[in-house]
């Protein structure tokens, strides 16, 4: 009888943990979308993934802090990495590449070769 209760409790805790992970990822996607919208870049939705989980103290209580990594695009043809940290479901920190710090892709300048008629 006790074994049955322990098994049911273990299953319930596993389901709760799985649902919490899914909900935290939804919050990460939502926060990532808002950050990218504010920075005028495109979040690549399928790239949001859990990178690290740690325990930290917030308001005197232990809290899970999850770091989610994601990819974003400045012009639709490039990829850059960013991340955000969630404590519970609250956004704590984030990192996006600076538009000014990224290498600018400029078209190559045309080169002209001047040849005089008598040099040939």
PDB file of N, CA and C in Angstrom:
ATOM      1  N   UNK A   1       0.819  -1.190   0.000  1.00  0.00           N
ATOM      2  CA  UNK A   1       0.000   0.000   0.000  1.00  0.00           C
ATOM      3  C   UNK A   1       0.864   1.257   0.000  1.00  0.00           C
ATOM      4  N   UNK A   2       1.897   1.276   0.846  1.00  0.00           N
ATOM      5  CA  UNK A   2       2.787   2.433   0.911  1.00  0.00           C
ATOM      6  C   UNK A   2       3.536   2.619  -0.405  1.00  0.00           C
ATOM      7  N   UNK A   3       3.929   1.513  -1.018  1.00  0.00           N
ATOM      8  CA  UNK A   3       4.622   1.572  -2.308  1.00  0.00           C
ATOM      9  C   UNK A   3       3.759   2.204  -3.384  1.00  0.00           C
ATOM     10  N   UNK A   4       2.459   1.928  -3.353  1.00  0.00           N
ATOM     11  CA  UNK A   4       1.534   2.512  -4.324  1.00  0.00           C
ATOM     12  C   UNK A   4       1.454   4.024  -4.147  1.00  0.00           C
ATOM     13  N   UNK A   5       1.363   4.470  -2.889  1.00  0.00           N
ATOM     14  CA  UNK A   5       1.287   5.915  -2.627  1.00  0.00           C
ATOM     15  C   UNK A   5       2.572   6.624  -3.054  1.00  0.00           C
ATOM     16  N   UNK A   6       3.698   5.987  -2.799  1.00  0.00           N
ATOM     17  CA  UNK A   6       4.980   6.584  -3.200  1.00  0.00           C
ATOM     18  C   UNK A   6       5.067   6.670  -4.721  1.00  0.00           C
ATOM     19  N   UNK A   7       4.620   5.626  -5.406  1.00  0.00           N
ATOM     20  CA  UNK A   7       4.634   5.638  -6.870  1.00  0.00           C
ATOM     21  C   UNK A   7       3.718   6.731  -7.418  1.00  0.00           C
ATOM     22  N   UNK A   8       2.511   6.856  -6.852  1.00  0.00           N
ATOM     23  CA  UNK A   8       1.582   7.900  -7.305  1.00  0.00           C
ATOM     24  C   UNK A   8       2.137   9.297  -7.033  1.00  0.00           C
ATOM     25  N   UNK A   9       2.741   9.471  -5.875  1.00  0.00           N
ATOM     26  CA  UNK A   9       3.334  10.763  -5.538  1.00  0.00           C
ATOM     27  C   UNK A   9       4.491  11.100  -6.480  1.00  0.00           C
ATOM     28  N   UNK A  10       5.309  10.115  -6.794  1.00  0.00           N
ATOM     29  CA  UNK A  10       6.425  10.316  -7.720  1.00  0.00           C
ATOM     30  C   UNK A  10       5.919  10.714  -9.099  1.00  0.00           C
ATOM     31  N   UNK A  11       4.878  10.046  -9.576  1.00  0.00           N
ATOM     32  CA  UNK A  11       4.294  10.375 -10.880  1.00  0.00           C
ATOM     33  C   UNK A  11       3.707  11.782 -10.865  1.00  0.00           C
ATOM     34  N   UNK A  12       3.017  12.141  -9.784  1.00  0.00           N
ATOM     35  CA  UNK A  12       2.421  13.481  -9.683  1.00  0.00           C
ATOM     36  C   UNK A  12       3.503  14.562  -9.679  1.00  0.00           C
ATOM     37  N   UNK A  13       4.592  14.338  -8.953  1.00  0.00           N
ATOM     38  CA  UNK A  13       5.685  15.315  -8.919  1.00  0.00           C
ATOM     39  C   UNK A  13       6.343  15.427 -10.291  1.00  0.00           C
ATOM     40  N   UNK A  14       6.520  14.306 -10.980  1.00  0.00           N
ATOM     41  CA  UNK A  14       7.111  14.333 -12.316  1.00  0.00           C
ATOM     42  C   UNK A  14       6.229  15.111 -13.293  1.00  0.00           C
ATOM     43  N   UNK A  15       4.920  14.905 -13.230  1.00  0.00           N
ATOM     44  CA  UNK A  15       3.993  15.642 -14.104  1.00  0.00           C
ATOM     45  C   UNK A  15       4.025  17.129 -13.776  1.00  0.00           C
ATOM     46  N   UNK A  16       4.032  17.470 -12.489  1.00  0.00           N
ATOM     47  CA  UNK A  16       4.094  18.877 -12.091  1.00  0.00           C
ATOM     48  C   UNK A  16       5.385  19.533 -12.595  1.00  0.00           C
ATOM     49  N   UNK A  17       6.513  18.831 -12.456  1.00  0.00           N
ATOM     50  CA  UNK A  17       7.799  19.374 -12.904  1.00  0.00           C
ATOM     51  C   UNK A  17       7.803  19.573 -14.416  1.00  0.00           C
ATOM     52  N   UNK A  18       7.256  18.613 -15.155  1.00  0.00           N
ATOM     53  CA  UNK A  18       7.190  18.717 -16.616  1.00  0.00           C
ATOM     54  C   UNK A  18       6.334  19.913 -17.029  1.00  0.00           C
ATOM     55  N   UNK A  19       5.195  20.095 -16.396  1.00  0.00           N
ATOM     56  CA  UNK A  19       4.311  21.227 -16.718  1.00  0.00           C
ATOM     57  C   UNK A  19       4.989  22.557 -16.371  1.00  0.00           C
ATOM     58  N   UNK A  20       5.746  22.589 -15.280  1.00  0.00           N
ATOM     59  CA  UNK A  20       6.458  23.804 -14.894  1.00  0.00           C
ATOM     60  C   UNK A  20       7.535  24.159 -15.918  1.00  0.00           C
ATOM     61  N   UNK A  21       8.236  23.150 -16.425  1.00  0.00           N
ATOM     62  CA  UNK A  21       9.254  23.381 -17.455  1.00  0.00           C
ATOM     63  C   UNK A  21       8.608  23.929 -18.725  1.00  0.00           C
ATOM     64  N   UNK A  22       7.475  23.358 -19.129  1.00  0.00           N
ATOM     65  CA  UNK A  22       6.787  23.839 -20.333  1.00  0.00           C
ATOM     66  C   UNK A  22       6.287  25.268 -20.158  1.00  0.00           C
ATOM     67  N   UNK A  23       5.752  25.566 -18.990  1.00  0.00           N
ATOM     68  CA  UNK A  23       5.256  26.925 -18.731  1.00  0.00           C
ATOM     69  C   UNK A  23       6.411  27.928 -18.716  1.00  0.00           C
ATOM     70  N   UNK A  24       7.541  27.551 -18.132  1.00  0.00           N
ATOM     71  CA  UNK A  24       8.702  28.443 -18.102  1.00  0.00           C
ATOM     72  C   UNK A  24       9.213  28.707 -19.515  1.00  0.00           C
ATOM     73  N   UNK A  25       9.193  27.683 -20.378  1.00  0.00           N
ATOM     74  CA  UNK A  25       9.623  27.891 -21.771  1.00  0.00           C
ATOM     75  C   UNK A  25       8.675  28.837 -22.490  1.00  0.00           C
ATOM     76  N   UNK A  26       7.378  28.717 -22.240  1.00  0.00           N
ATOM     77  CA  UNK A  26       6.413  29.649 -22.833  1.00  0.00           C
ATOM     78  C   UNK A  26       6.713  31.082 -22.402  1.00  0.00           C
ATOM     79  N   UNK A  27       7.029  31.270 -21.115  1.00  0.00           N
ATOM     80  CA  UNK A  27       7.389  32.604 -20.634  1.00  0.00           C
ATOM     81  C   UNK A  27       8.672  33.088 -21.303  1.00  0.00           C
ATOM     82  N   UNK A  28       9.636  32.184 -21.491  1.00  0.00           N
ATOM     83  CA  UNK A  28      10.889  32.565 -22.145  1.00  0.00           C
ATOM     84  C   UNK A  28      10.634  33.010 -23.582  1.00  0.00           C
ATOM     85  N   UNK A  29       9.787  32.288 -24.298  1.00  0.00           N
ATOM     86  CA  UNK A  29       9.457  32.678 -25.673  1.00  0.00           C
ATOM     87  C   UNK A  29       8.752  34.028 -25.675  1.00  0.00           C
ATOM     88  N   UNK A  30       7.821  34.221 -24.756  1.00  0.00           N
ATOM     89  CA  UNK A  30       7.079  35.488 -24.683  1.00  0.00           C
ATOM     90  C   UNK A  30       8.015  36.662 -24.371  1.00  0.00           C
ATOM     91  N   UNK A  31       8.886  36.487 -23.366  1.00  0.00           N
ATOM     92  CA  UNK A  31       9.832  37.552 -23.023  1.00  0.00           C
ATOM     93  C   UNK A  31      10.827  37.783 -24.166  1.00  0.00           C
ATOM     94  N   UNK A  32      11.295  36.704 -24.781  1.00  0.00           N
ATOM     95  CA  UNK A  32      12.228  36.837 -25.902  1.00  0.00           C
ATOM     96  C   UNK A  32      11.607  37.577 -27.068  1.00  0.00           C
ATOM     97  N   UNK A  33      10.346  37.277 -27.355  1.00  0.00           N
ATOM     98  CA  UNK A  33       9.639  37.972 -28.425  1.00  0.00           C
ATOM     99  C   UNK A  33       9.542  39.471 -28.132  1.00  0.00           C
ATOM    100  N   UNK A  34       9.197  39.812 -26.881  1.00  0.00           N
ATOM    101  CA  UNK A  34       9.070  41.226 -26.506  1.00  0.00           C
ATOM    102  C   UNK A  34      10.426  41.937 -26.587  1.00  0.00           C
ATOM    103  N   UNK A  35      11.489  41.290 -26.113  1.00  0.00           N
ATOM    104  CA  UNK A  35      12.819  41.899 -26.189  1.00  0.00           C
ATOM    105  C   UNK A  35      13.237  42.143 -27.634  1.00  0.00           C
ATOM    106  N   UNK A  36      13.006  41.150 -28.489  1.00  0.00           N
ATOM    107  CA  UNK A  36      13.385  41.285 -29.893  1.00  0.00           C
ATOM    108  C   UNK A  36      12.523  42.332 -30.596  1.00  0.00           C
ATOM    109  N   UNK A  37      11.254  42.404 -30.241  1.00  0.00           N
ATOM    110  CA  UNK A  37      10.383  43.423 -30.838  1.00  0.00           C
ATOM    111  C   UNK A  37      10.881  44.817 -30.458  1.00  0.00           C
ATOM    112  N   UNK A  38      11.245  45.005 -29.193  1.00  0.00           N
ATOM    113  CA  UNK A  38      11.752  46.305 -28.745  1.00  0.00           C
ATOM    114  C   UNK A  38      13.077  46.662 -29.416  1.00  0.00           C
ATOM    115  N   UNK A  39      13.902  45.653 -29.709  1.00  0.00           N
ATOM    116  CA  UNK A  39      15.194  45.886 -30.356  1.00  0.00           C
ATOM    117  C   UNK A  39      15.086  45.899 -31.879  1.00  0.00           C
ATOM    118  N   UNK A  40      13.890  45.679 -32.396  1.00  0.00           N
ATOM    119  CA  UNK A  40      13.619  45.653 -33.841  1.00  0.00           C
ATOM    120  C   UNK A  40      14.451  44.583 -34.561  1.00  0.00           C
ATOM    121  N   UNK A  41      14.469  43.394 -33.975  1.00  0.00           N
ATOM    122  CA  UNK A  41      15.090  42.233 -34.602  1.00  0.00           C
ATOM    123  C   UNK A  41      14.080  41.095 -34.582  1.00  0.00           C
ATOM    124  N   UNK A  42      14.377  40.035 -35.304  1.00  0.00           N
ATOM    125  CA  UNK A  42      13.447  38.911 -35.422  1.00  0.00           C
ATOM    126  C   UNK A  42      13.912  37.745 -34.553  1.00  0.00           C
ATOM    127  N   UNK A  43      13.041  37.300 -33.655  1.00  0.00           N
ATOM    128  CA  UNK A  43      13.323  36.117 -32.844  1.00  0.00           C
ATOM    129  C   UNK A  43      13.039  34.881 -33.682  1.00  0.00           C
ATOM    130  N   UNK A  44      13.975  33.966 -33.697  1.00  0.00           N
ATOM    131  CA  UNK A  44      13.770  32.701 -34.394  1.00  0.00           C
ATOM    132  C   UNK A  44      13.196  31.732 -33.364  1.00  0.00           C
ATOM    133  N   UNK A  45      11.852  31.588 -33.370  1.00  0.00           N
ATOM    134  CA  UNK A  45      11.108  30.907 -32.304  1.00  0.00           C
ATOM    135  C   UNK A  45      11.594  29.499 -31.991  1.00  0.00           C
ATOM    136  N   UNK A  46      11.905  28.734 -32.995  1.00  0.00           N
ATOM    137  CA  UNK A  46      12.251  27.336 -32.756  1.00  0.00           C
ATOM    138  C   UNK A  46      13.625  27.173 -32.122  1.00  0.00           C
ATOM    139  N   UNK A  47      14.331  28.286 -31.927  1.00  0.00           N
ATOM    140  CA  UNK A  47      15.685  28.188 -31.388  1.00  0.00           C
ATOM    141  C   UNK A  47      15.746  28.383 -29.873  1.00  0.00           C
ATOM    142  N   UNK A  48      14.631  28.638 -29.203  1.00  0.00           N
ATOM    143  CA  UNK A  48      14.636  28.872 -27.752  1.00  0.00           C
ATOM    144  C   UNK A  48      14.872  27.538 -27.037  1.00  0.00           C
ATOM    145  N   UNK A  49      15.940  27.495 -26.238  1.00  0.00           N
ATOM    146  CA  UNK A  49      16.256  26.240 -25.547  1.00  0.00           C
ATOM    147  C   UNK A  49      16.839  26.529 -24.167  1.00  0.00           C
ATOM    148  N   UNK A  50      16.595  25.610 -23.258  1.00  0.00           N
ATOM    149  CA  UNK A  50      17.102  25.719 -21.894  1.00  0.00           C
ATOM    150  C   UNK A  50      18.597  25.433 -21.902  1.00  0.00           C
ATOM    151  N   UNK A  51      19.385  26.352 -21.354  1.00  0.00           N
ATOM    152  CA  UNK A  51      20.834  26.173 -21.326  1.00  0.00           C
ATOM    153  C   UNK A  51      21.357  25.813 -19.948  1.00  0.00           C
ATOM    154  N   UNK A  52      20.770  26.404 -18.907  1.00  0.00           N
ATOM    155  CA  UNK A  52      21.309  26.196 -17.563  1.00  0.00           C
ATOM    156  C   UNK A  52      20.213  26.405 -16.528  1.00  0.00           C
ATOM    157  N   UNK A  53      20.276  25.640 -15.455  1.00  0.00           N
ATOM    158  CA  UNK A  53      19.366  25.809 -14.318  1.00  0.00           C
ATOM    159  C   UNK A  53      20.226  25.889 -13.064  1.00  0.00           C
ATOM    160  N   UNK A  54      19.942  26.880 -12.236  1.00  0.00           N
ATOM    161  CA  UNK A  54      20.665  27.004 -10.969  1.00  0.00           C
ATOM    162  C   UNK A  54      19.690  27.459  -9.892  1.00  0.00           C
ATOM    163  N   UNK A  55      20.089  27.281  -8.659  1.00  0.00           N
ATOM    164  CA  UNK A  55      19.269  27.723  -7.530  1.00  0.00           C
ATOM    165  C   UNK A  55      19.890  29.001  -6.980  1.00  0.00           C
ATOM    166  N   UNK A  56      19.060  30.018  -6.801  1.00  0.00           N
ATOM    167  CA  UNK A  56      19.519  31.298  -6.252  1.00  0.00           C
ATOM    168  C   UNK A  56      18.508  31.775  -5.222  1.00  0.00           C
ATOM    169  N   UNK A  57      18.934  32.683  -4.364  1.00  0.00           N
ATOM    170  CA  UNK A  57      18.031  33.258  -3.355  1.00  0.00           C
ATOM    171  C   UNK A  57      17.377  34.508  -3.897  1.00  0.00           C
ATOM    172  N   UNK A  58      16.066  34.539  -3.846  1.00  0.00           N
ATOM    173  CA  UNK A  58      15.289  35.718  -4.217  1.00  0.00           C
ATOM    174  C   UNK A  58      14.296  35.975  -3.098  1.00  0.00           C
ATOM    175  N   UNK A  59      14.341  37.137  -2.518  1.00  0.00           N
ATOM    176  CA  UNK A  59      13.461  37.503  -1.401  1.00  0.00           C
ATOM    177  C   UNK A  59      13.608  36.530  -0.229  1.00  0.00           C
ATOM    178  N   UNK A  60      14.814  36.020  -0.033  1.00  0.00           N
ATOM    179  CA  UNK A  60      15.080  35.131   1.087  1.00  0.00           C
ATOM    180  C   UNK A  60      14.701  33.682   0.854  1.00  0.00           C
ATOM    181  N   UNK A  61      14.154  33.364  -0.313  1.00  0.00           N
ATOM    182  CA  UNK A  61      13.726  31.993  -0.604  1.00  0.00           C
ATOM    183  C   UNK A  61      14.519  31.427  -1.776  1.00  0.00           C
ATOM    184  N   UNK A  62      14.781  30.115  -1.755  1.00  0.00           N
ATOM    185  CA  UNK A  62      15.455  29.522  -2.910  1.00  0.00           C
ATOM    186  C   UNK A  62      14.523  29.504  -4.122  1.00  0.00           C
ATOM    187  N   UNK A  63      15.072  29.893  -5.262  1.00  0.00           N
ATOM    188  CA  UNK A  63      14.299  29.976  -6.500  1.00  0.00           C
ATOM    189  C   UNK A  63      15.116  29.377  -7.632  1.00  0.00           C
ATOM    190  N   UNK A  64      14.458  28.702  -8.552  1.00  0.00           N
ATOM    191  CA  UNK A  64      15.134  28.208  -9.745  1.00  0.00           C
ATOM    192  C   UNK A  64      15.336  29.367 -10.711  1.00  0.00           C
ATOM    193  N   UNK A  65      16.569  29.532 -11.164  1.00  0.00           N
ATOM    194  CA  UNK A  65      16.875  30.525 -12.196  1.00  0.00           C
ATOM    195  C   UNK A  65      17.263  29.740 -13.441  1.00  0.00           C
ATOM    196  N   UNK A  66      16.491  29.932 -14.494  1.00  0.00           N
ATOM    197  CA  UNK A  66      16.718  29.205 -15.744  1.00  0.00           C
ATOM    198  C   UNK A  66      17.274  30.169 -16.785  1.00  0.00           C
ATOM    199  N   UNK A  67      18.300  29.734 -17.500  1.00  0.00           N
ATOM    200  CA  UNK A  67      18.836  30.522 -18.610  1.00  0.00           C
ATOM    201  C   UNK A  67      18.397  29.861 -19.913  1.00  0.00           C
ATOM    202  N   UNK A  68      17.744  30.648 -20.744  1.00  0.00           N
ATOM    203  CA  UNK A  68      17.308  30.197 -22.058  1.00  0.00           C
ATOM    204  C   UNK A  68      18.126  30.906 -23.118  1.00  0.00           C
ATOM    205  N   UNK A  69      18.650  30.143 -24.045  1.00  0.00           N
ATOM    206  CA  UNK A  69      19.359  30.704 -25.182  1.00  0.00           C
ATOM    207  C   UNK A  69      18.428  30.720 -26.381  1.00  0.00           C
ATOM    208  N   UNK A  70      18.654  31.660 -27.266  1.00  0.00           N
ATOM    209  CA  UNK A  70      17.845  31.740 -28.477  1.00  0.00           C
ATOM    210  C   UNK A  70      18.658  32.400 -29.574  1.00  0.00           C
ATOM    211  N   UNK A  71      18.144  32.311 -30.781  1.00  0.00           N
ATOM    212  CA  UNK A  71      18.791  32.946 -31.918  1.00  0.00           C
ATOM    213  C   UNK A  71      17.877  34.015 -32.461  1.00  0.00           C
ATOM    214  N   UNK A  72      18.491  35.041 -33.012  1.00  0.00           N
ATOM    215  CA  UNK A  72      17.724  36.136 -33.589  1.00  0.00           C
ATOM    216  C   UNK A  72      18.385  36.560 -34.887  1.00  0.00           C
ATOM    217  N   UNK A  73      17.624  37.286 -35.675  1.00  0.00           N
ATOM    218  CA  UNK A  73      18.107  37.737 -36.971  1.00  0.00           C
ATOM    219  C   UNK A  73      17.883  39.233 -37.102  1.00  0.00           C
ATOM    220  N   UNK A  74      18.879  39.919 -37.628  1.00  0.00           N
ATOM    221  CA  UNK A  74      18.759  41.360 -37.836  1.00  0.00           C
ATOM    222  C   UNK A  74      18.034  41.681 -39.135  1.00  0.00           C
ATOM    223  N   UNK A  75      18.319  40.891 -40.175  1.00  0.00           N
ATOM    224  CA  UNK A  75      17.726  41.197 -41.473  1.00  0.00           C
ATOM    225  C   UNK A  75      17.066  39.997 -42.145  1.00  0.00           C
ATOM    226  N   UNK A  76      16.916  38.915 -41.428  1.00  0.00           N
ATOM    227  CA  UNK A  76      16.261  37.734 -41.982  1.00  0.00           C
ATOM    228  C   UNK A  76      17.208  36.744 -42.631  1.00  0.00           C
ATOM    229  N   UNK A  77      18.467  37.121 -42.827  1.00  0.00           N
ATOM    230  CA  UNK A  77      19.401  36.205 -43.478  1.00  0.00           C
ATOM    231  C   UNK A  77      20.602  35.863 -42.597  1.00  0.00           C
ATOM    232  N   UNK A  78      20.646  36.388 -41.385  1.00  0.00           N
ATOM    233  CA  UNK A  78      21.764  36.117 -40.494  1.00  0.00           C
ATOM    234  C   UNK A  78      21.257  35.539 -39.172  1.00  0.00           C
ATOM    235  N   UNK A  79      22.180  35.031 -38.368  1.00  0.00           N
ATOM    236  CA  UNK A  79      21.826  34.458 -37.067  1.00  0.00           C
ATOM    237  C   UNK A  79      22.800  34.971 -36.020  1.00  0.00           C
ATOM    238  N   UNK A  80      22.239  35.390 -34.892  1.00  0.00           N
ATOM    239  CA  UNK A  80      23.035  35.834 -33.755  1.00  0.00           C
ATOM    240  C   UNK A  80      22.435  35.212 -32.503  1.00  0.00           C
ATOM    241  N   UNK A  81      23.262  35.086 -31.459  1.00  0.00           N
ATOM    242  CA  UNK A  81      22.812  34.435 -30.232  1.00  0.00           C
ATOM    243  C   UNK A  81      22.486  35.457 -29.158  1.00  0.00           C
ATOM    244  N   UNK A  82      21.483  35.127 -28.361  1.00  0.00           N
ATOM    245  CA  UNK A  82      21.115  35.923 -27.204  1.00  0.00           C
ATOM    246  C   UNK A  82      20.688  34.976 -26.099  1.00  0.00           C
ATOM    247  N   UNK A  83      20.481  35.503 -24.910  1.00  0.00           N
ATOM    248  CA  UNK A  83      19.965  34.669 -23.821  1.00  0.00           C
ATOM    249  C   UNK A  83      19.177  35.536 -22.854  1.00  0.00           C
ATOM    250  N   UNK A  84      18.364  34.864 -22.054  1.00  0.00           N
ATOM    251  CA  UNK A  84      17.624  35.544 -20.995  1.00  0.00           C
ATOM    252  C   UNK A  84      17.548  34.632 -19.784  1.00  0.00           C
ATOM    253  N   UNK A  85      17.473  35.251 -18.610  1.00  0.00           N
ATOM    254  CA  UNK A  85      17.391  34.518 -17.344  1.00  0.00           C
ATOM    255  C   UNK A  85      16.025  34.751 -16.724  1.00  0.00           C
ATOM    256  N   UNK A  86      15.360  33.660 -16.345  1.00  0.00           N
ATOM    257  CA  UNK A  86      14.070  33.733 -15.666  1.00  0.00           C
ATOM    258  C   UNK A  86      14.219  33.201 -14.250  1.00  0.00           C
ATOM    259  N   UNK A  87      13.757  33.973 -13.282  1.00  0.00           N
ATOM    260  CA  UNK A  87      13.671  33.518 -11.891  1.00  0.00           C
ATOM    261  C   UNK A  87      12.201  33.261 -11.647  1.00  0.00           C
ATOM    262  N   UNK A  88      11.831  31.999 -11.578  1.00  0.00           N
ATOM    263  CA  UNK A  88      10.407  31.670 -11.573  1.00  0.00           C
ATOM    264  C   UNK A  88       9.883  31.991 -12.965  1.00  0.00           C
ATOM    265  N   UNK A  89       8.969  32.948 -13.044  1.00  0.00           N
ATOM    266  CA  UNK A  89       8.474  33.390 -14.352  1.00  0.00           C
ATOM    267  C   UNK A  89       8.785  34.862 -14.585  1.00  0.00           C
ATOM    268  N   UNK A  90       9.689  35.403 -13.768  1.00  0.00           N
ATOM    269  CA  UNK A  90      10.053  36.816 -13.873  1.00  0.00           C
ATOM    270  C   UNK A  90      11.375  36.964 -14.629  1.00  0.00           C
ATOM    271  N   UNK A  91      11.389  37.863 -15.608  1.00  0.00           N
ATOM    272  CA  UNK A  91      12.601  38.138 -16.369  1.00  0.00           C
ATOM    273  C   UNK A  91      13.583  38.890 -15.484  1.00  0.00           C
ATOM    274  N   UNK A  92      14.805  38.345 -15.355  1.00  0.00           N
ATOM    275  CA  UNK A  92      15.819  38.972 -14.508  1.00  0.00           C
ATOM    276  C   UNK A  92      16.922  39.631 -15.303  1.00  0.00           C
ATOM    277  N   UNK A  93      17.393  38.975 -16.333  1.00  0.00           N
ATOM    278  CA  UNK A  93      18.510  39.507 -17.110  1.00  0.00           C
ATOM    279  C   UNK A  93      18.398  39.004 -18.537  1.00  0.00           C
ATOM    280  N   UNK A  94      19.010  39.733 -19.447  1.00  0.00           N
ATOM    281  CA  UNK A  94      19.012  39.305 -20.836  1.00  0.00           C
ATOM    282  C   UNK A  94      20.250  39.858 -21.519  1.00  0.00           C
ATOM    283  N   UNK A  95      20.576  39.273 -22.660  1.00  0.00           N
ATOM    284  CA  UNK A  95      21.709  39.721 -23.452  1.00  0.00           C
ATOM    285  C   UNK A  95      21.341  39.574 -24.919  1.00  0.00           C
ATOM    286  N   UNK A  96      21.422  40.677 -25.636  1.00  0.00           N
ATOM    287  CA  UNK A  96      21.210  40.692 -27.075  1.00  0.00           C
ATOM    288  C   UNK A  96      22.438  41.316 -27.717  1.00  0.00           C
ATOM    289  N   UNK A  97      22.790  40.906 -28.934  1.00  0.00           N
ATOM    290  CA  UNK A  97      23.930  41.546 -29.589  1.00  0.00           C
ATOM    291  C   UNK A  97      23.591  42.995 -29.938  1.00  0.00           C
ATOM    292  N   UNK A  98      24.558  43.873 -29.782  1.00  0.00           N
ATOM    293  CA  UNK A  98      24.361  45.269 -30.152  1.00  0.00           C
ATOM    294  C   UNK A  98      24.432  45.401 -31.664  1.00  0.00           C
ATOM    295  N   UNK A  99      23.508  46.110 -32.209  1.00  0.00           N
ATOM    296  CA  UNK A  99      23.479  46.300 -33.659  1.00  0.00           C
ATOM    297  C   UNK A  99      24.770  46.978 -34.129  1.00  0.00           C
ATOM    298  N   UNK A 100      25.298  47.922 -33.335  1.00  0.00           N
ATOM    299  CA  UNK A 100      26.502  48.647 -33.725  1.00  0.00           C
ATOM    300  C   UNK A 100      27.750  47.766 -33.642  1.00  0.00           C
ATOM    301  N   UNK A 101      27.722  46.765 -32.769  1.00  0.00           N
ATOM    302  CA  UNK A 101      28.899  45.921 -32.571  1.00  0.00           C
ATOM    303  C   UNK A 101      29.015  44.827 -33.624  1.00  0.00           C
ATOM    304  N   UNK A 102      27.946  44.576 -34.349  1.00  0.00           N
ATOM    305  CA  UNK A 102      27.976  43.523 -35.351  1.00  0.00           C
ATOM    306  C   UNK A 102      28.676  44.030 -36.602  1.00  0.00           C
ATOM    307  N   UNK A 103      29.401  43.160 -37.291  1.00  0.00           N
ATOM    308  CA  UNK A 103      30.091  43.616 -38.498  1.00  0.00           C
ATOM    309  C   UNK A 103      29.085  44.014 -39.570  1.00  0.00           C
ATOM    310  N   UNK A 104      29.312  45.164 -40.133  1.00  0.00           N
ATOM    311  CA  UNK A 104      28.426  45.642 -41.200  1.00  0.00           C
ATOM    312  C   UNK A 104      28.827  44.977 -42.504  1.00  0.00           C
ATOM    313  N   UNK A 105      27.858  44.518 -43.231  1.00  0.00           N
ATOM    314  CA  UNK A 105      28.108  43.904 -44.523  1.00  0.00           C
ATOM    315  C   UNK A 105      27.828  44.961 -45.579  1.00  0.00           C
ATOM    316  N   UNK A 106      28.891  45.416 -46.195  1.00  0.00           N
ATOM    317  CA  UNK A 106      28.748  46.437 -47.219  1.00  0.00           C
ATOM    318  C   UNK A 106      29.100  45.823 -48.557  1.00  0.00           C
ATOM    319  N   UNK A 107      28.431  46.262 -49.607  1.00  0.00           N
ATOM    320  CA  UNK A 107      28.791  45.746 -50.921  1.00  0.00           C
ATOM    321  C   UNK A 107      30.207  46.180 -51.276  1.00  0.00           C
ATOM    322  N   UNK A 108      30.892  45.324 -51.965  1.00  0.00           N
ATOM    323  CA  UNK A 108      32.260  45.641 -52.361  1.00  0.00           C
ATOM    324  C   UNK A 108      32.252  46.815 -53.329  1.00  0.00           C
ATOM    325  N   UNK A 109      33.175  47.710 -53.120  1.00  0.00           N
ATOM    326  CA  UNK A 109      33.263  48.877 -54.007  1.00  0.00           C
ATOM    327  C   UNK A 109      33.809  48.435 -55.357  1.00  0.00           C
ATOM    328  N   UNK A 110      33.223  48.931 -56.422  1.00  0.00           N
ATOM    329  CA  UNK A 110      33.735  48.551 -57.740  1.00  0.00           C
ATOM    330  C   UNK A 110      35.127  49.143 -57.945  1.00  0.00           C
ATOM    331  N   UNK A 111      35.968  48.375 -58.547  1.00  0.00           N
ATOM    332  CA  UNK A 111      37.320  48.859 -58.823  1.00  0.00           C
ATOM    333  C   UNK A 111      37.437  49.141 -60.309  1.00  0.00           C
ATOM    334  N   UNK A 112      38.076  50.221 -60.598  1.00  0.00           N
ATOM    335  CA  UNK A 112      38.295  50.611 -61.991  1.00  0.00           C
ATOM    336  C   UNK A 112      39.784  50.556 -62.289  1.00  0.00           C
ATOM    337  N   UNK A 113      40.070  50.110 -63.453  1.00  0.00           N
ATOM    338  CA  UNK A 113      41.464  50.098 -63.895  1.00  0.00           C
ATOM    339  C   UNK A 113      41.547  50.993 -65.114  1.00  0.00           C
ATOM    340  N   UNK A 114      42.277  52.052 -64.966  1.00  0.00           N
ATOM    341  CA  UNK A 114      42.430  52.971 -66.081  1.00  0.00           C
ATOM    342  C   UNK A 114      43.638  52.562 -66.906  1.00  0.00           C
ATOM    343  N   UNK A 115      43.415  52.449 -68.157  1.00  0.00           N
ATOM    344  CA  UNK A 115      44.495  52.075 -69.069  1.00  0.00           C
ATOM    345  C   UNK A 115      44.573  53.143 -70.143  1.00  0.00           C
ATOM    346  N   UNK A 116      45.763  53.666 -70.342  1.00  0.00           N
ATOM    347  CA  UNK A 116      45.952  54.632 -71.420  1.00  0.00           C
ATOM    348  C   UNK A 116      46.142  53.879 -72.719  1.00  0.00           C
ATOM    349  N   UNK A 117      45.756  54.507 -73.744  1.00  0.00           N
ATOM    350  CA  UNK A 117      45.800  53.859 -75.055  1.00  0.00           C
ATOM    351  C   UNK A 117      47.221  53.506 -75.465  1.00  0.00           C
ATOM    352  N   UNK A 118      48.207  54.272 -75.084  1.00  0.00           N
ATOM    353  CA  UNK A 118      49.573  53.991 -75.525  1.00  0.00           C
ATOM    354  C   UNK A 118      50.304  53.034 -74.586  1.00  0.00           C
ATOM    355  N   UNK A 119      49.692  52.574 -73.471  1.00  0.00           N
ATOM    356  CA  UNK A 119      50.339  51.644 -72.545  1.00  0.00           C
ATOM    357  C   UNK A 119      50.109  50.192 -72.917  1.00  0.00           C
ATOM    358  N   UNK A 120      49.241  49.917 -73.780  1.00  0.00           N
ATOM    359  CA  UNK A 120      48.907  48.531 -74.112  1.00  0.00           C
ATOM    360  C   UNK A 120      49.971  47.953 -74.911  1.00  0.00           C
TER     361      UNK A 120
END
